[in-house]
Amino acid sequence: MGVVFVGKKPVSKYVIAATRQISIGARKIVLKARGSSIPKAVDVAEALRRRFADQLSLESIKTYTETLETENGTRRVSVIEIVFSV
């Protein structure tokens, strides 16, 4: 299973990272993003679906909230996990 953590880099970087996971034989690709990176993870998922329409199938989309401990107390952050099977 290949996991790609989506952050602040351009969408193309994450598409390339997921493509590498596919090329080395990963049977599942998981895109994970938190907070303001969630829309970018959706863009990456759509780009992968268009590029690998015949190879990838969307297995699941999971959303949840993580509680992070900070110096000023706790903070809640939204998370998305998009899982593709090859």
N, C-alpha and C. Protein backbone atom coordinates (compact mmCIF):
# COMPACT_ATOMS: atom_id res chain seq x y z
N MET A 1 0.85 -1.17 0.00
CA MET A 1 0.00 0.00 0.00
C MET A 1 0.89 1.23 0.00
N GLY A 2 0.64 2.13 -0.94
CA GLY A 2 1.39 3.37 -1.02
C GLY A 2 0.60 4.51 -0.41
N VAL A 3 1.23 5.28 0.44
CA VAL A 3 0.58 6.42 1.07
C VAL A 3 1.25 7.70 0.58
N VAL A 4 0.44 8.65 0.12
CA VAL A 4 0.94 9.94 -0.34
C VAL A 4 0.30 11.00 0.55
N PHE A 5 1.14 11.72 1.29
CA PHE A 5 0.66 12.80 2.15
C PHE A 5 0.64 14.09 1.34
N VAL A 6 -0.52 14.66 1.16
CA VAL A 6 -0.69 15.86 0.34
C VAL A 6 -0.53 17.08 1.23
N GLY A 7 0.31 18.01 0.77
CA GLY A 7 0.57 19.22 1.53
C GLY A 7 0.58 20.46 0.66
N LYS A 8 1.66 21.22 0.70
CA LYS A 8 1.72 22.52 0.04
C LYS A 8 2.37 22.52 -1.33
N LYS A 9 2.92 21.40 -1.78
CA LYS A 9 3.56 21.35 -3.09
C LYS A 9 2.51 21.37 -4.20
N PRO A 10 2.93 21.59 -5.45
CA PRO A 10 1.97 21.58 -6.56
C PRO A 10 1.33 20.20 -6.75
N VAL A 11 0.12 20.19 -7.30
CA VAL A 11 -0.63 18.96 -7.52
C VAL A 11 0.18 17.94 -8.30
N SER A 12 0.90 18.41 -9.31
CA SER A 12 1.67 17.49 -10.16
C SER A 12 2.68 16.66 -9.38
N LYS A 13 3.26 17.22 -8.33
CA LYS A 13 4.23 16.47 -7.52
C LYS A 13 3.57 15.26 -6.85
N TYR A 14 2.34 15.43 -6.37
CA TYR A 14 1.64 14.34 -5.70
C TYR A 14 1.14 13.30 -6.70
N VAL A 15 0.76 13.76 -7.90
CA VAL A 15 0.36 12.82 -8.95
C VAL A 15 1.55 11.95 -9.32
N ILE A 16 2.73 12.56 -9.45
CA ILE A 16 3.95 11.81 -9.76
C ILE A 16 4.27 10.82 -8.64
N ALA A 17 4.13 11.24 -7.39
CA ALA A 17 4.41 10.35 -6.25
C ALA A 17 3.47 9.14 -6.27
N ALA A 18 2.19 9.37 -6.56
CA ALA A 18 1.23 8.26 -6.62
C ALA A 18 1.53 7.36 -7.82
N THR A 19 1.93 7.96 -8.94
CA THR A 19 2.28 7.19 -10.13
C THR A 19 3.47 6.28 -9.84
N ARG A 20 4.43 6.78 -9.10
CA ARG A 20 5.59 5.95 -8.71
C ARG A 20 5.14 4.76 -7.87
N GLN A 21 4.21 5.00 -6.95
CA GLN A 21 3.71 3.90 -6.12
C GLN A 21 3.06 2.82 -6.99
N ILE A 22 2.31 3.26 -7.99
CA ILE A 22 1.67 2.30 -8.90
C ILE A 22 2.72 1.53 -9.67
N SER A 23 3.75 2.23 -10.15
CA SER A 23 4.77 1.58 -10.97
C SER A 23 5.62 0.58 -10.19
N ILE A 24 5.74 0.75 -8.88
CA ILE A 24 6.52 -0.22 -8.09
C ILE A 24 5.65 -1.36 -7.56
N GLY A 25 4.38 -1.35 -7.94
CA GLY A 25 3.53 -2.49 -7.62
C GLY A 25 2.60 -2.35 -6.44
N ALA A 26 2.36 -1.14 -5.96
CA ALA A 26 1.42 -0.97 -4.85
C ALA A 26 0.02 -1.36 -5.30
N ARG A 27 -0.68 -2.11 -4.50
CA ARG A 27 -2.04 -2.54 -4.83
C ARG A 27 -3.08 -1.51 -4.39
N LYS A 28 -2.71 -0.66 -3.44
CA LYS A 28 -3.60 0.41 -2.97
C LYS A 28 -2.80 1.69 -2.87
N ILE A 29 -3.45 2.80 -3.21
CA ILE A 29 -2.87 4.13 -3.07
C ILE A 29 -3.77 4.91 -2.13
N VAL A 30 -3.18 5.48 -1.08
CA VAL A 30 -3.94 6.28 -0.12
C VAL A 30 -3.43 7.72 -0.20
N LEU A 31 -4.34 8.64 -0.48
CA LEU A 31 -4.02 10.07 -0.44
C LEU A 31 -4.52 10.58 0.89
N LYS A 32 -3.64 11.22 1.67
CA LYS A 32 -4.02 11.76 2.97
C LYS A 32 -3.74 13.25 2.98
N ALA A 33 -4.67 14.02 3.51
CA ALA A 33 -4.47 15.47 3.62
C ALA A 33 -5.21 15.98 4.85
N ARG A 34 -4.68 17.08 5.40
CA ARG A 34 -5.30 17.71 6.56
C ARG A 34 -5.55 19.18 6.28
N GLY A 35 -6.60 19.69 6.87
CA GLY A 35 -6.86 21.12 6.84
C GLY A 35 -6.99 21.72 5.45
N SER A 36 -6.23 22.77 5.20
CA SER A 36 -6.34 23.50 3.94
C SER A 36 -5.79 22.74 2.74
N SER A 37 -5.17 21.60 2.96
CA SER A 37 -4.67 20.77 1.85
C SER A 37 -5.71 19.80 1.32
N ILE A 38 -6.87 19.73 1.93
CA ILE A 38 -7.91 18.80 1.50
C ILE A 38 -8.35 19.06 0.06
N PRO A 39 -8.61 20.31 -0.36
CA PRO A 39 -8.99 20.51 -1.77
C PRO A 39 -7.91 20.06 -2.75
N LYS A 40 -6.65 20.20 -2.37
CA LYS A 40 -5.56 19.75 -3.24
C LYS A 40 -5.57 18.23 -3.36
N ALA A 41 -5.88 17.52 -2.29
CA ALA A 41 -5.96 16.06 -2.33
C ALA A 41 -7.08 15.62 -3.28
N VAL A 42 -8.18 16.35 -3.29
CA VAL A 42 -9.28 16.03 -4.22
C VAL A 42 -8.82 16.27 -5.65
N ASP A 43 -8.07 17.34 -5.90
CA ASP A 43 -7.54 17.61 -7.23
C ASP A 43 -6.59 16.48 -7.68
N VAL A 44 -5.75 16.01 -6.77
CA VAL A 44 -4.84 14.91 -7.08
C VAL A 44 -5.63 13.66 -7.42
N ALA A 45 -6.67 13.37 -6.64
CA ALA A 45 -7.50 12.19 -6.89
C ALA A 45 -8.16 12.27 -8.27
N GLU A 46 -8.66 13.43 -8.62
CA GLU A 46 -9.29 13.59 -9.94
C GLU A 46 -8.28 13.44 -11.06
N ALA A 47 -7.08 13.97 -10.89
CA ALA A 47 -6.03 13.82 -11.90
C ALA A 47 -5.65 12.36 -12.07
N LEU A 48 -5.56 11.62 -10.97
CA LEU A 48 -5.24 10.19 -11.04
C LEU A 48 -6.36 9.41 -11.72
N ARG A 49 -7.60 9.76 -11.40
CA ARG A 49 -8.74 9.06 -12.04
C ARG A 49 -8.73 9.28 -13.54
N ARG A 50 -8.41 10.49 -13.98
CA ARG A 50 -8.37 10.77 -15.43
C ARG A 50 -7.20 10.04 -16.09
N ARG A 51 -6.04 10.05 -15.44
CA ARG A 51 -4.84 9.46 -16.04
C ARG A 51 -4.89 7.93 -16.07
N PHE A 52 -5.42 7.33 -15.01
CA PHE A 52 -5.44 5.87 -14.88
C PHE A 52 -6.86 5.33 -14.82
N ALA A 53 -7.73 5.83 -15.68
CA ALA A 53 -9.15 5.45 -15.63
C ALA A 53 -9.35 3.94 -15.75
N ASP A 54 -8.52 3.28 -16.53
CA ASP A 54 -8.69 1.84 -16.73
C ASP A 54 -8.01 0.99 -15.65
N GLN A 55 -7.12 1.58 -14.86
CA GLN A 55 -6.36 0.81 -13.86
C GLN A 55 -6.82 1.04 -12.43
N LEU A 56 -7.29 2.24 -12.10
CA LEU A 56 -7.64 2.58 -10.72
C LEU A 56 -9.15 2.53 -10.50
N SER A 57 -9.52 2.10 -9.32
CA SER A 57 -10.92 2.24 -8.91
C SER A 57 -10.95 2.86 -7.52
N LEU A 58 -11.87 3.76 -7.34
CA LEU A 58 -12.02 4.43 -6.05
C LEU A 58 -12.60 3.45 -5.06
N GLU A 59 -11.85 3.19 -4.00
CA GLU A 59 -12.29 2.21 -3.01
C GLU A 59 -13.09 2.87 -1.89
N SER A 60 -12.56 3.98 -1.35
CA SER A 60 -13.27 4.65 -0.26
C SER A 60 -12.76 6.07 -0.07
N ILE A 61 -13.61 6.86 0.55
CA ILE A 61 -13.23 8.21 0.98
C ILE A 61 -13.64 8.31 2.45
N LYS A 62 -12.69 8.64 3.29
CA LYS A 62 -12.93 8.69 4.73
C LYS A 62 -12.59 10.09 5.22
N THR A 63 -13.46 10.67 6.00
CA THR A 63 -13.18 11.97 6.62
C THR A 63 -13.33 11.83 8.13
N TYR A 64 -12.48 12.55 8.83
CA TYR A 64 -12.56 12.55 10.28
C TYR A 64 -11.83 13.77 10.82
N THR A 65 -11.86 13.95 12.12
CA THR A 65 -11.22 15.09 12.77
C THR A 65 -10.17 14.57 13.74
N GLU A 66 -8.97 15.12 13.65
CA GLU A 66 -7.89 14.81 14.60
C GLU A 66 -7.80 15.92 15.63
N THR A 67 -7.50 15.54 16.84
CA THR A 67 -7.25 16.53 17.89
C THR A 67 -5.76 16.61 18.13
N LEU A 68 -5.20 17.80 17.94
CA LEU A 68 -3.77 18.00 18.10
C LEU A 68 -3.50 18.80 19.36
N GLU A 69 -2.46 18.41 20.07
CA GLU A 69 -2.05 19.14 21.25
C GLU A 69 -1.07 20.24 20.83
N THR A 70 -1.32 21.46 21.23
CA THR A 70 -0.44 22.58 20.93
C THR A 70 -0.03 23.25 22.23
N GLU A 71 0.84 24.24 22.12
CA GLU A 71 1.26 24.98 23.31
C GLU A 71 0.09 25.72 23.95
N ASN A 72 -0.88 26.10 23.13
CA ASN A 72 -2.03 26.88 23.62
C ASN A 72 -3.25 26.02 23.92
N GLY A 73 -3.10 24.72 23.96
CA GLY A 73 -4.22 23.83 24.24
C GLY A 73 -4.38 22.80 23.14
N THR A 74 -5.63 22.50 22.82
CA THR A 74 -5.90 21.53 21.78
C THR A 74 -6.48 22.22 20.55
N ARG A 75 -6.29 21.57 19.42
CA ARG A 75 -6.77 22.10 18.14
C ARG A 75 -7.34 20.94 17.34
N ARG A 76 -8.47 21.17 16.71
CA ARG A 76 -9.11 20.13 15.89
C ARG A 76 -8.83 20.43 14.43
N VAL A 77 -8.42 19.37 13.69
CA VAL A 77 -8.06 19.52 12.28
C VAL A 77 -8.81 18.44 11.48
N SER A 78 -9.43 18.86 10.38
CA SER A 78 -10.12 17.92 9.50
C SER A 78 -9.11 17.13 8.68
N VAL A 79 -9.44 15.86 8.40
CA VAL A 79 -8.55 14.97 7.64
C VAL A 79 -9.39 14.24 6.60
N ILE A 80 -8.79 14.00 5.43
CA ILE A 80 -9.42 13.18 4.40
C ILE A 80 -8.45 12.10 3.97
N GLU A 81 -8.97 10.91 3.74
CA GLU A 81 -8.20 9.79 3.18
C GLU A 81 -8.96 9.27 1.96
N ILE A 82 -8.31 9.31 0.82
CA ILE A 82 -8.92 8.82 -0.42
C ILE A 82 -8.13 7.58 -0.82
N VAL A 83 -8.82 6.44 -0.93
CA VAL A 83 -8.16 5.17 -1.19
C VAL A 83 -8.55 4.67 -2.59
N PHE A 84 -7.52 4.38 -3.39
CA PHE A 84 -7.71 3.78 -4.71
C PHE A 84 -7.13 2.38 -4.68
N SER A 85 -7.77 1.45 -5.38
CA SER A 85 -7.18 0.12 -5.56
C SER A 85 -6.76 -0.01 -7.02
N VAL A 86 -5.64 -0.70 -7.22
CA VAL A 86 -5.07 -0.86 -8.55
C VAL A 86 -5.51 -2.18 -9.12
